[in-house]
Amino acid sequence: MSELGVFAGELLTDEEHKCMALLSDVHVLLSSICGNRDTRHGDMREIVSYVHQLQRAILAQAGARAYPDRYRALGEIASQDES
């Protein structure tokens, strides 16, 4: 396991996997809150877009770890290239 908590061959940490699972649960719960009335389609479209934004931020962590010189991971400070 690396210092970031990622096992060899894994792209996401255990915490990132947990976040992805929780976001799926949140989607299901919010879906039940929206009910089945006329505004459901629009409400769900809006909710899903926010859930997807959070999922993309979590999945982007793998890319940031793979290319730390190109992409900033959440909680990190972007390096300043002085060329």
Protein backbone atom coordinates (compact mmCIF):
# COMPACT_ATOMS: atom_id res chain seq x y z
CA MET A 1 0.00 0.00 0.00
CA SER A 2 1.30 3.46 -0.87
CA GLU A 3 1.45 6.40 1.54
CA LEU A 4 -1.88 7.57 0.04
CA GLY A 5 -3.66 4.39 1.07
CA VAL A 6 -3.89 2.96 -2.45
CA PHE A 7 -3.06 -0.73 -2.91
CA ALA A 8 -0.96 -1.84 -5.90
CA GLY A 9 -3.25 -2.21 -8.90
CA GLU A 10 -6.02 -0.16 -7.28
CA LEU A 11 -7.00 3.26 -8.58
CA LEU A 12 -9.07 4.51 -5.64
CA THR A 13 -8.51 4.44 -1.89
CA ASP A 14 -10.89 2.65 0.45
CA GLU A 15 -12.27 6.04 1.50
CA GLU A 16 -12.90 7.01 -2.12
CA HIS A 17 -14.72 3.72 -2.74
CA LYS A 18 -16.83 4.38 0.37
CA CYS A 19 -17.68 7.88 -0.87
CA MET A 20 -18.78 6.48 -4.22
CA ALA A 21 -21.04 3.95 -2.47
CA LEU A 22 -22.47 6.62 -0.17
CA LEU A 23 -23.23 8.87 -3.13
CA SER A 24 -25.16 6.02 -4.69
CA ASP A 25 -27.14 5.68 -1.46
CA VAL A 26 -27.75 9.44 -1.39
CA HIS A 27 -29.09 9.28 -4.94
CA VAL A 28 -31.56 6.55 -3.95
CA LEU A 29 -32.71 8.49 -0.89
CA LEU A 30 -33.12 11.74 -2.80
CA SER A 31 -35.02 9.87 -5.48
CA SER A 32 -37.57 8.76 -2.90
CA ILE A 33 -37.84 12.32 -1.57
CA CYS A 34 -38.65 13.65 -5.05
CA GLY A 35 -41.70 11.42 -5.26
CA ASN A 36 -43.58 10.82 -8.51
CA ARG A 37 -45.31 14.11 -9.25
CA ASP A 38 -44.99 16.35 -12.30
CA THR A 39 -41.71 17.98 -11.21
CA ARG A 40 -39.90 14.67 -10.55
CA HIS A 41 -38.07 14.57 -13.89
CA GLY A 42 -36.64 18.08 -13.54
CA ASP A 43 -35.87 17.66 -9.86
CA MET A 44 -34.05 14.40 -10.45
CA ARG A 45 -32.08 15.87 -13.36
CA GLU A 46 -30.84 18.64 -11.07
CA ILE A 47 -30.00 16.27 -8.21
CA VAL A 48 -28.22 13.79 -10.47
CA SER A 49 -26.01 16.54 -11.88
CA TYR A 50 -24.74 17.37 -8.37
CA VAL A 51 -24.19 13.73 -7.47
CA HIS A 52 -22.26 13.25 -10.73
CA GLN A 53 -20.10 16.31 -9.99
CA LEU A 54 -19.11 14.80 -6.65
CA GLN A 55 -18.45 11.42 -8.26
CA ARG A 56 -16.24 13.02 -10.91
CA ALA A 57 -14.25 14.86 -8.23
CA ILE A 58 -13.62 11.58 -6.40
CA LEU A 59 -12.71 9.68 -9.57
CA ALA A 60 -10.37 12.50 -10.62
CA GLN A 61 -8.21 11.62 -7.62
CA ALA A 62 -6.91 8.58 -9.48
CA GLY A 63 -5.86 10.78 -12.39
CA ALA A 64 -4.21 13.28 -10.08
CA ARG A 65 -2.21 10.53 -8.40
CA ALA A 66 -1.20 9.05 -11.76
CA TYR A 67 -0.03 12.44 -13.08
CA PRO A 68 0.89 14.54 -10.03
CA ASP A 69 2.97 16.87 -12.19
CA ARG A 70 -0.09 17.70 -14.35
CA TYR A 71 -3.16 17.54 -12.08
CA ARG A 72 -3.85 18.67 -8.54
CA ALA A 73 -5.47 16.21 -6.13
CA LEU A 74 -8.10 17.38 -3.66
CA GLY A 75 -6.40 18.85 -0.60
CA GLU A 76 -3.13 19.44 -2.42
CA ILE A 77 -1.51 22.68 -3.49
CA ALA A 78 -0.75 23.14 -7.17
CA SER A 79 2.96 23.46 -7.81
CA GLN A 80 4.14 26.68 -9.32
CA ASP A 81 6.13 26.15 -12.51
CA GLU A 82 8.61 29.02 -12.73
CA SER A 83 9.81 28.42 -16.28
